[in-house]
Amino acid sequence: MAEPLEGLNVKFSTKSYELNYIDNEIVFSAPNSIKVVTNLAYETKLNDEKRQILVLKPEYLGAFVGDVKNMMVYDTSSQFVDKKTKRVYNSRLK
């Protein structure tokens, strides 16, 4: 009997599928692991995953707010309007 070649071996019939991956005489088998997925089902699953909203834990809120305030501080400039506002040039206006 001939030795099976390394790689993927797929056996299928109308009702069942079997995948065998042969690597150095070790066979990894996955019977009936293939299923048909339509494009609509795939895209719906992706969109459902995007709907999950991750909420920041309350114990990290203070650190987050502090870090954002530190990042949003303006450097001293002649473009200050007041303590929290800075004037910028809008190149789209002519």
PDB file of N, CA and C in Angstrom:
ATOM      1  N   MET A   1       0.845  -1.193   0.000  1.00  0.00           N
ATOM      2  CA  MET A   1       0.000   0.000   0.000  1.00  0.00           C
ATOM      3  C   MET A   1       0.880   1.243   0.000  1.00  0.00           C
ATOM      4  N   ALA A   2       0.534   2.214  -0.806  1.00  0.00           N
ATOM      5  CA  ALA A   2       1.322   3.433  -0.949  1.00  0.00           C
ATOM      6  C   ALA A   2       1.089   4.352   0.243  1.00  0.00           C
ATOM      7  N   GLU A   3       2.150   5.051   0.634  1.00  0.00           N
ATOM      8  CA  GLU A   3       2.062   6.041   1.715  1.00  0.00           C
ATOM      9  C   GLU A   3       1.278   7.254   1.210  1.00  0.00           C
ATOM     10  N   PRO A   4       0.382   7.803   2.022  1.00  0.00           N
ATOM     11  CA  PRO A   4      -0.332   9.006   1.578  1.00  0.00           C
ATOM     12  C   PRO A   4       0.622  10.200   1.529  1.00  0.00           C
ATOM     13  N   LEU A   5       0.420  11.052   0.575  1.00  0.00           N
ATOM     14  CA  LEU A   5       1.234  12.248   0.443  1.00  0.00           C
ATOM     15  C   LEU A   5       0.845  13.263   1.500  1.00  0.00           C
ATOM     16  N   GLU A   6       1.816  14.104   1.896  1.00  0.00           N
ATOM     17  CA  GLU A   6       1.511  15.166   2.851  1.00  0.00           C
ATOM     18  C   GLU A   6       0.574  16.172   2.218  1.00  0.00           C
ATOM     19  N   GLY A   7      -0.299  16.750   3.022  1.00  0.00           N
ATOM     20  CA  GLY A   7      -1.186  17.795   2.531  1.00  0.00           C
ATOM     21  C   GLY A   7      -2.627  17.533   2.890  1.00  0.00           C
ATOM     22  N   LEU A   8      -3.496  18.199   2.227  1.00  0.00           N
ATOM     23  CA  LEU A   8      -4.919  18.150   2.511  1.00  0.00           C
ATOM     24  C   LEU A   8      -5.608  17.128   1.616  1.00  0.00           C
ATOM     25  N   ASN A   9      -6.408  16.272   2.221  1.00  0.00           N
ATOM     26  CA  ASN A   9      -7.176  15.272   1.500  1.00  0.00           C
ATOM     27  C   ASN A   9      -8.646  15.524   1.816  1.00  0.00           C
ATOM     28  N   VAL A  10      -9.452  15.772   0.806  1.00  0.00           N
ATOM     29  CA  VAL A  10     -10.869  16.076   0.996  1.00  0.00           C
ATOM     30  C   VAL A  10     -11.692  14.962   0.395  1.00  0.00           C
ATOM     31  N   LYS A  11     -12.592  14.391   1.218  1.00  0.00           N
ATOM     32  CA  LYS A  11     -13.540  13.398   0.723  1.00  0.00           C
ATOM     33  C   LYS A  11     -14.925  13.976   0.946  1.00  0.00           C
ATOM     34  N   PHE A  12     -15.763  13.928  -0.064  1.00  0.00           N
ATOM     35  CA  PHE A  12     -17.106  14.451   0.131  1.00  0.00           C
ATOM     36  C   PHE A  12     -18.107  13.657  -0.684  1.00  0.00           C
ATOM     37  N   SER A  13     -19.322  13.660  -0.169  1.00  0.00           N
ATOM     38  CA  SER A  13     -20.462  13.105  -0.884  1.00  0.00           C
ATOM     39  C   SER A  13     -21.574  14.141  -0.777  1.00  0.00           C
ATOM     40  N   THR A  14     -22.755  13.817  -1.190  1.00  0.00           N
ATOM     41  CA  THR A  14     -23.834  14.803  -1.171  1.00  0.00           C
ATOM     42  C   THR A  14     -24.271  15.165   0.247  1.00  0.00           C
ATOM     43  N   LYS A  15     -23.986  14.312   1.249  1.00  0.00           N
ATOM     44  CA  LYS A  15     -24.466  14.584   2.607  1.00  0.00           C
ATOM     45  C   LYS A  15     -23.357  14.775   3.631  1.00  0.00           C
ATOM     46  N   SER A  16     -22.136  14.426   3.332  1.00  0.00           N
ATOM     47  CA  SER A  16     -21.090  14.574   4.341  1.00  0.00           C
ATOM     48  C   SER A  16     -19.766  14.976   3.700  1.00  0.00           C
ATOM     49  N   TYR A  17     -18.933  15.574   4.510  1.00  0.00           N
ATOM     50  CA  TYR A  17     -17.617  16.013   4.083  1.00  0.00           C
ATOM     51  C   TYR A  17     -16.608  15.517   5.111  1.00  0.00           C
ATOM     52  N   GLU A  18     -15.407  15.272   4.675  1.00  0.00           N
ATOM     53  CA  GLU A  18     -14.353  14.895   5.603  1.00  0.00           C
ATOM     54  C   GLU A  18     -13.049  15.517   5.125  1.00  0.00           C
ATOM     55  N   LEU A  19     -12.389  16.227   6.016  1.00  0.00           N
ATOM     56  CA  LEU A  19     -11.102  16.834   5.733  1.00  0.00           C
ATOM     57  C   LEU A  19     -10.039  16.098   6.522  1.00  0.00           C
ATOM     58  N   ASN A  20      -8.988  15.683   5.873  1.00  0.00           N
ATOM     59  CA  ASN A  20      -7.850  15.074   6.544  1.00  0.00           C
ATOM     60  C   ASN A  20      -6.606  15.831   6.142  1.00  0.00           C
ATOM     61  N   TYR A  21      -5.847  16.276   7.127  1.00  0.00           N
ATOM     62  CA  TYR A  21      -4.585  16.925   6.831  1.00  0.00           C
ATOM     63  C   TYR A  21      -3.482  15.991   7.298  1.00  0.00           C
ATOM     64  N   ILE A  22      -2.631  15.579   6.389  1.00  0.00           N
ATOM     65  CA  ILE A  22      -1.582  14.611   6.688  1.00  0.00           C
ATOM     66  C   ILE A  22      -0.262  15.374   6.786  1.00  0.00           C
ATOM     67  N   ASP A  23       0.394  15.265   7.946  1.00  0.00           N
ATOM     68  CA  ASP A  23       1.650  15.959   8.179  1.00  0.00           C
ATOM     69  C   ASP A  23       2.587  15.015   8.911  1.00  0.00           C
ATOM     70  N   ASN A  24       3.615  14.549   8.242  1.00  0.00           N
ATOM     71  CA  ASN A  24       4.603  13.629   8.834  1.00  0.00           C
ATOM     72  C   ASN A  24       3.938  12.412   9.484  1.00  0.00           C
ATOM     73  N   GLU A  25       3.082  11.771   8.736  1.00  0.00           N
ATOM     74  CA  GLU A  25       2.385  10.548   9.145  1.00  0.00           C
ATOM     75  C   GLU A  25       1.363  10.766  10.265  1.00  0.00           C
ATOM     76  N   ILE A  26       1.086  12.010  10.635  1.00  0.00           N
ATOM     77  CA  ILE A  26       0.045  12.319  11.614  1.00  0.00           C
ATOM     78  C   ILE A  26      -1.154  12.828  10.835  1.00  0.00           C
ATOM     79  N   VAL A  27      -2.318  12.259  11.107  1.00  0.00           N
ATOM     80  CA  VAL A  27      -3.526  12.648  10.382  1.00  0.00           C
ATOM     81  C   VAL A  27      -4.414  13.454  11.318  1.00  0.00           C
ATOM     82  N   PHE A  28      -4.695  14.699  10.908  1.00  0.00           N
ATOM     83  CA  PHE A  28      -5.636  15.540  11.624  1.00  0.00           C
ATOM     84  C   PHE A  28      -6.945  15.464  10.866  1.00  0.00           C
ATOM     85  N   SER A  29      -7.993  14.975  11.503  1.00  0.00           N
ATOM     86  CA  SER A  29      -9.254  14.750  10.815  1.00  0.00           C
ATOM     87  C   SER A  29     -10.319  15.719  11.313  1.00  0.00           C
ATOM     88  N   ALA A  30     -11.157  16.174  10.407  1.00  0.00           N
ATOM     89  CA  ALA A  30     -12.263  17.063  10.746  1.00  0.00           C
ATOM     90  C   ALA A  30     -13.490  16.646   9.946  1.00  0.00           C
ATOM     91  N   PRO A  31     -14.178  15.594  10.371  1.00  0.00           N
ATOM     92  CA  PRO A  31     -15.356  15.157   9.619  1.00  0.00           C
ATOM     93  C   PRO A  31     -16.507  16.157   9.755  1.00  0.00           C
ATOM     94  N   ASN A  32     -17.212  16.352   8.666  1.00  0.00           N
ATOM     95  CA  ASN A  32     -18.384  17.244   8.616  1.00  0.00           C
ATOM     96  C   ASN A  32     -18.084  18.649   9.140  1.00  0.00           C
ATOM     97  N   SER A  33     -16.882  19.149   8.868  1.00  0.00           N
ATOM     98  CA  SER A  33     -16.525  20.477   9.368  1.00  0.00           C
ATOM     99  C   SER A  33     -16.750  21.580   8.340  1.00  0.00           C
ATOM    100  N   ILE A  34     -17.242  21.225   7.189  1.00  0.00           N
ATOM    101  CA  ILE A  34     -17.498  22.212   6.149  1.00  0.00           C
ATOM    102  C   ILE A  34     -18.984  22.523   6.125  1.00  0.00           C
ATOM    103  N   LYS A  35     -19.296  23.819   6.058  1.00  0.00           N
ATOM    104  CA  LYS A  35     -20.700  24.184   5.898  1.00  0.00           C
ATOM    105  C   LYS A  35     -20.796  25.325   4.904  1.00  0.00           C
ATOM    106  N   VAL A  36     -21.897  25.386   4.239  1.00  0.00           N
ATOM    107  CA  VAL A  36     -22.123  26.406   3.225  1.00  0.00           C
ATOM    108  C   VAL A  36     -22.513  27.705   3.924  1.00  0.00           C
ATOM    109  N   VAL A  37     -21.874  28.797   3.513  1.00  0.00           N
ATOM    110  CA  VAL A  37     -22.185  30.107   4.052  1.00  0.00           C
ATOM    111  C   VAL A  37     -22.428  31.043   2.876  1.00  0.00           C
ATOM    112  N   THR A  38     -23.589  31.635   2.845  1.00  0.00           N
ATOM    113  CA  THR A  38     -23.882  32.583   1.768  1.00  0.00           C
ATOM    114  C   THR A  38     -23.203  33.912   2.066  1.00  0.00           C
ATOM    115  N   ASN A  39     -23.053  34.726   1.061  1.00  0.00           N
ATOM    116  CA  ASN A  39     -22.457  36.050   1.246  1.00  0.00           C
ATOM    117  C   ASN A  39     -23.304  36.885   2.202  1.00  0.00           C
ATOM    118  N   LEU A  40     -24.626  36.772   2.097  1.00  0.00           N
ATOM    119  CA  LEU A  40     -25.518  37.518   2.983  1.00  0.00           C
ATOM    120  C   LEU A  40     -25.291  37.114   4.435  1.00  0.00           C
ATOM    121  N   ALA A  41     -25.205  35.805   4.707  1.00  0.00           N
ATOM    122  CA  ALA A  41     -24.981  35.339   6.077  1.00  0.00           C
ATOM    123  C   ALA A  41     -23.629  35.800   6.602  1.00  0.00           C
ATOM    124  N   TYR A  42     -22.605  35.758   5.759  1.00  0.00           N
ATOM    125  CA  TYR A  42     -21.267  36.202   6.156  1.00  0.00           C
ATOM    126  C   TYR A  42     -21.261  37.685   6.504  1.00  0.00           C
ATOM    127  N   GLU A  43     -21.842  38.512   5.634  1.00  0.00           N
ATOM    128  CA  GLU A  43     -21.867  39.955   5.871  1.00  0.00           C
ATOM    129  C   GLU A  43     -22.728  40.300   7.084  1.00  0.00           C
ATOM    130  N   THR A  44     -23.837  39.576   7.283  1.00  0.00           N
ATOM    131  CA  THR A  44     -24.688  39.803   8.444  1.00  0.00           C
ATOM    132  C   THR A  44     -23.927  39.507   9.727  1.00  0.00           C
ATOM    133  N   LYS A  45     -23.157  38.431   9.732  1.00  0.00           N
ATOM    134  CA  LYS A  45     -22.351  38.079  10.914  1.00  0.00           C
ATOM    135  C   LYS A  45     -21.315  39.162  11.200  1.00  0.00           C
ATOM    136  N   LEU A  46     -20.658  39.662  10.159  1.00  0.00           N
ATOM    137  CA  LEU A  46     -19.681  40.745  10.356  1.00  0.00           C
ATOM    138  C   LEU A  46     -20.337  41.995  10.934  1.00  0.00           C
ATOM    139  N   ASN A  47     -21.496  42.366  10.405  1.00  0.00           N
ATOM    140  CA  ASN A  47     -22.196  43.545  10.911  1.00  0.00           C
ATOM    141  C   ASN A  47     -22.665  43.355  12.343  1.00  0.00           C
ATOM    142  N   ASP A  48     -23.117  42.160  12.692  1.00  0.00           N
ATOM    143  CA  ASP A  48     -23.531  41.887  14.067  1.00  0.00           C
ATOM    144  C   ASP A  48     -22.360  42.026  15.034  1.00  0.00           C
ATOM    145  N   GLU A  49     -21.168  41.611  14.610  1.00  0.00           N
ATOM    146  CA  GLU A  49     -19.985  41.750  15.465  1.00  0.00           C
ATOM    147  C   GLU A  49     -19.635  43.217  15.672  1.00  0.00           C
ATOM    148  N   LYS A  50     -19.883  44.060  14.663  1.00  0.00           N
ATOM    149  CA  LYS A  50     -19.593  45.489  14.788  1.00  0.00           C
ATOM    150  C   LYS A  50     -20.579  46.194  15.710  1.00  0.00           C
ATOM    151  N   ARG A  51     -21.736  45.610  15.940  1.00  0.00           N
ATOM    152  CA  ARG A  51     -22.744  46.228  16.807  1.00  0.00           C
ATOM    153  C   ARG A  51     -22.392  46.120  18.283  1.00  0.00           C
ATOM    154  N   GLN A  52     -21.488  45.235  18.625  1.00  0.00           N
ATOM    155  CA  GLN A  52     -21.109  45.066  20.024  1.00  0.00           C
ATOM    156  C   GLN A  52     -20.299  46.273  20.471  1.00  0.00           C
ATOM    157  N   ILE A  53     -20.769  46.932  21.536  1.00  0.00           N
ATOM    158  CA  ILE A  53     -20.108  48.123  22.042  1.00  0.00           C
ATOM    159  C   ILE A  53     -19.377  47.750  23.323  1.00  0.00           C
ATOM    160  N   LEU A  54     -18.101  48.089  23.363  1.00  0.00           N
ATOM    161  CA  LEU A  54     -17.310  47.843  24.557  1.00  0.00           C
ATOM    162  C   LEU A  54     -17.347  49.104  25.420  1.00  0.00           C
ATOM    163  N   VAL A  55     -17.777  48.956  26.666  1.00  0.00           N
ATOM    164  CA  VAL A  55     -17.917  50.086  27.579  1.00  0.00           C
ATOM    165  C   VAL A  55     -16.723  50.096  28.518  1.00  0.00           C
ATOM    166  N   LEU A  56     -16.163  51.286  28.734  1.00  0.00           N
ATOM    167  CA  LEU A  56     -15.025  51.444  29.623  1.00  0.00           C
ATOM    168  C   LEU A  56     -15.441  51.141  31.062  1.00  0.00           C
ATOM    169  N   LYS A  57     -14.625  50.366  31.763  1.00  0.00           N
ATOM    170  CA  LYS A  57     -14.923  50.036  33.160  1.00  0.00           C
ATOM    171  C   LYS A  57     -14.783  51.303  34.009  1.00  0.00           C
ATOM    172  N   PRO A  58     -15.663  51.478  34.999  1.00  0.00           N
ATOM    173  CA  PRO A  58     -15.636  52.708  35.817  1.00  0.00           C
ATOM    174  C   PRO A  58     -14.290  52.966  36.498  1.00  0.00           C
ATOM    175  N   GLU A  59     -13.577  51.911  36.866  1.00  0.00           N
ATOM    176  CA  GLU A  59     -12.303  52.132  37.566  1.00  0.00           C
ATOM    177  C   GLU A  59     -11.226  52.736  36.655  1.00  0.00           C
ATOM    178  N   TYR A  60     -11.410  52.664  35.326  1.00  0.00           N
ATOM    179  CA  TYR A  60     -10.444  53.242  34.390  1.00  0.00           C
ATOM    180  C   TYR A  60     -10.866  54.611  33.878  1.00  0.00           C
ATOM    181  N   LEU A  61     -12.057  55.056  34.223  1.00  0.00           N
ATOM    182  CA  LEU A  61     -12.590  56.307  33.686  1.00  0.00           C
ATOM    183  C   LEU A  61     -11.751  57.519  34.081  1.00  0.00           C
ATOM    184  N   GLY A  62     -11.349  57.597  35.339  1.00  0.00           N
ATOM    185  CA  GLY A  62     -10.556  58.734  35.806  1.00  0.00           C
ATOM    186  C   GLY A  62      -9.230  58.835  35.077  1.00  0.00           C
ATOM    187  N   ALA A  63      -8.557  57.716  34.910  1.00  0.00           N
ATOM    188  CA  ALA A  63      -7.276  57.715  34.200  1.00  0.00           C
ATOM    189  C   ALA A  63      -7.473  58.127  32.748  1.00  0.00           C
ATOM    190  N   PHE A  64      -8.543  57.657  32.114  1.00  0.00           N
ATOM    191  CA  PHE A  64      -8.823  58.004  30.721  1.00  0.00           C
ATOM    192  C   PHE A  64      -9.072  59.498  30.569  1.00  0.00           C
ATOM    193  N   VAL A  65      -9.915  60.054  31.425  1.00  0.00           N
ATOM    194  CA  VAL A  65     -10.240  61.482  31.341  1.00  0.00           C
ATOM    195  C   VAL A  65      -8.981  62.319  31.576  1.00  0.00           C
ATOM    196  N   GLY A  66      -8.173  61.928  32.556  1.00  0.00           N
ATOM    197  CA  GLY A  66      -6.936  62.653  32.828  1.00  0.00           C
ATOM    198  C   GLY A  66      -5.975  62.619  31.649  1.00  0.00           C
ATOM    199  N   ASP A  67      -5.823  61.448  31.036  1.00  0.00           N
ATOM    200  CA  ASP A  67      -4.930  61.324  29.879  1.00  0.00           C
ATOM    201  C   ASP A  67      -5.414  62.168  28.703  1.00  0.00           C
ATOM    202  N   VAL A  68      -6.717  62.170  28.455  1.00  0.00           N
ATOM    203  CA  VAL A  68      -7.263  62.950  27.335  1.00  0.00           C
ATOM    204  C   VAL A  68      -7.079  64.438  27.598  1.00  0.00           C
ATOM    205  N   LYS A  69      -7.317  64.888  28.830  1.00  0.00           N
ATOM    206  CA  LYS A  69      -7.114  66.311  29.141  1.00  0.00           C
ATOM    207  C   LYS A  69      -5.665  66.708  28.928  1.00  0.00           C
ATOM    208  N   ASN A  70      -4.725  65.857  29.319  1.00  0.00           N
ATOM    209  CA  ASN A  70      -3.309  66.163  29.135  1.00  0.00           C
ATOM    210  C   ASN A  70      -2.936  66.217  27.661  1.00  0.00           C
ATOM    211  N   MET A  71      -3.529  65.370  26.842  1.00  0.00           N
ATOM    212  CA  MET A  71      -3.229  65.368  25.412  1.00  0.00           C
ATOM    213  C   MET A  71      -3.846  66.556  24.691  1.00  0.00           C
ATOM    214  N   MET A  72      -4.936  67.106  25.229  1.00  0.00           N
ATOM    215  CA  MET A  72      -5.667  68.164  24.537  1.00  0.00           C
ATOM    216  C   MET A  72      -5.219  69.569  24.931  1.00  0.00           C
ATOM    217  N   VAL A  73      -4.188  69.703  25.746  1.00  0.00           N
ATOM    218  CA  VAL A  73      -3.722  71.021  26.176  1.00  0.00           C
ATOM    219  C   VAL A  73      -3.005  71.698  25.019  1.00  0.00           C
ATOM    220  N   TYR A  74      -3.343  72.977  24.757  1.00  0.00           N
ATOM    221  CA  TYR A  74      -2.688  73.743  23.705  1.00  0.00           C
ATOM    222  C   TYR A  74      -1.372  74.299  24.217  1.00  0.00           C
ATOM    223  N   ASP A  75      -0.367  74.318  23.356  1.00  0.00           N
ATOM    224  CA  ASP A  75       0.881  74.996  23.684  1.00  0.00           C
ATOM    225  C   ASP A  75       0.669  76.502  23.589  1.00  0.00           C
ATOM    226  N   THR A  76       1.504  77.268  24.257  1.00  0.00           N
ATOM    227  CA  THR A  76       1.398  78.717  24.217  1.00  0.00           C
ATOM    228  C   THR A  76       1.588  79.198  22.781  1.00  0.00           C
ATOM    229  N   SER A  77       0.676  80.078  22.353  1.00  0.00           N
ATOM    230  CA  SER A  77       0.710  80.539  20.973  1.00  0.00           C
ATOM    231  C   SER A  77       0.004  81.888  20.878  1.00  0.00           C
ATOM    232  N   SER A  78       0.278  82.619  19.805  1.00  0.00           N
ATOM    233  CA  SER A  78      -0.396  83.899  19.573  1.00  0.00           C
ATOM    234  C   SER A  78      -1.808  83.678  19.025  1.00  0.00           C
ATOM    235  N   GLN A  79      -2.174  82.431  18.754  1.00  0.00           N
ATOM    236  CA  GLN A  79      -3.482  82.140  18.167  1.00  0.00           C
ATOM    237  C   GLN A  79      -4.555  81.857  19.219  1.00  0.00           C
ATOM    238  N   PHE A  80      -4.229  82.038  20.507  1.00  0.00           N
ATOM    239  CA  PHE A  80      -5.222  81.806  21.546  1.00  0.00           C
ATOM    240  C   PHE A  80      -6.342  82.830  21.472  1.00  0.00           C
ATOM    241  N   VAL A  81      -7.581  82.370  21.524  1.00  0.00           N
ATOM    242  CA  VAL A  81      -8.733  83.247  21.646  1.00  0.00           C
ATOM    243  C   VAL A  81      -9.029  83.412  23.125  1.00  0.00           C
ATOM    244  N   ASP A  82      -9.073  82.321  23.849  1.00  0.00           N
ATOM    245  CA  ASP A  82      -9.156  82.312  25.304  1.00  0.00           C
ATOM    246  C   ASP A  82      -8.437  81.063  25.808  1.00  0.00           C
ATOM    247  N   LYS A  83      -8.612  80.749  27.087  1.00  0.00           N
ATOM    248  CA  LYS A  83      -7.841  79.657  27.707  1.00  0.00           C
ATOM    249  C   LYS A  83      -8.091  78.292  27.051  1.00  0.00           C
ATOM    250  N   LYS A  84      -9.302  78.059  26.545  1.00  0.00           N
ATOM    251  CA  LYS A  84      -9.645  76.750  25.985  1.00  0.00           C
ATOM    252  C   LYS A  84      -9.868  76.763  24.478  1.00  0.00           C
ATOM    253  N   THR A  85      -9.669  77.901  23.811  1.00  0.00           N
ATOM    254  CA  THR A  85      -9.948  77.993  22.385  1.00  0.00           C
ATOM    255  C   THR A  85      -8.740  78.569  21.648  1.00  0.00           C
ATOM    256  N   LYS A  86      -8.479  78.014  20.485  1.00  0.00           N
ATOM    257  CA  LYS A  86      -7.363  78.463  19.664  1.00  0.00           C
ATOM    258  C   LYS A  86      -7.859  78.729  18.248  1.00  0.00           C
ATOM    259  N   ARG A  87      -7.407  79.810  17.632  1.00  0.00           N
ATOM    260  CA  ARG A  87      -7.812  80.165  16.285  1.00  0.00           C
ATOM    261  C   ARG A  87      -6.932  79.393  15.294  1.00  0.00           C
ATOM    262  N   VAL A  88      -7.541  78.885  14.205  1.00  0.00           N
ATOM    263  CA  VAL A  88      -6.784  78.177  13.166  1.00  0.00           C
ATOM    264  C   VAL A  88      -7.124  78.770  11.816  1.00  0.00           C
ATOM    265  N   TYR A  89      -6.244  78.570  10.879  1.00  0.00           N
ATOM    266  CA  TYR A  89      -6.455  79.060   9.514  1.00  0.00           C
ATOM    267  C   TYR A  89      -7.218  78.003   8.734  1.00  0.00           C
ATOM    268  N   ASN A  90      -8.314  78.409   8.083  1.00  0.00           N
ATOM    269  CA  ASN A  90      -9.101  77.507   7.257  1.00  0.00           C
ATOM    270  C   ASN A  90      -8.749  77.755   5.805  1.00  0.00           C
ATOM    271  N   SER A  91      -7.997  76.849   5.196  1.00  0.00           N
ATOM    272  CA  SER A  91      -7.544  77.042   3.822  1.00  0.00           C
ATOM    273  C   SER A  91      -8.665  76.897   2.799  1.00  0.00           C
ATOM    274  N   ARG A  92      -9.810  76.396   3.206  1.00  0.00           N
ATOM    275  CA  ARG A  92     -10.929  76.239   2.264  1.00  0.00           C
ATOM    276  C   ARG A  92     -11.678  77.541   2.036  1.00  0.00           C
ATOM    277  N   LEU A  93     -11.534  78.463   2.974  1.00  0.00           N
ATOM    278  CA  LEU A  93     -12.198  79.768   2.807  1.00  0.00           C
ATOM    279  C   LEU A  93     -11.290  80.683   2.030  1.00  0.00           C
ATOM    280  N   LYS A  94     -11.847  81.423   1.093  1.00  0.00           N
ATOM    281  CA  LYS A  94     -11.027  82.354   0.305  1.00  0.00           C
ATOM    282  C   LYS A  94     -11.596  83.730   0.349  1.00  0.00           C
TER     283      LYS A  94
END
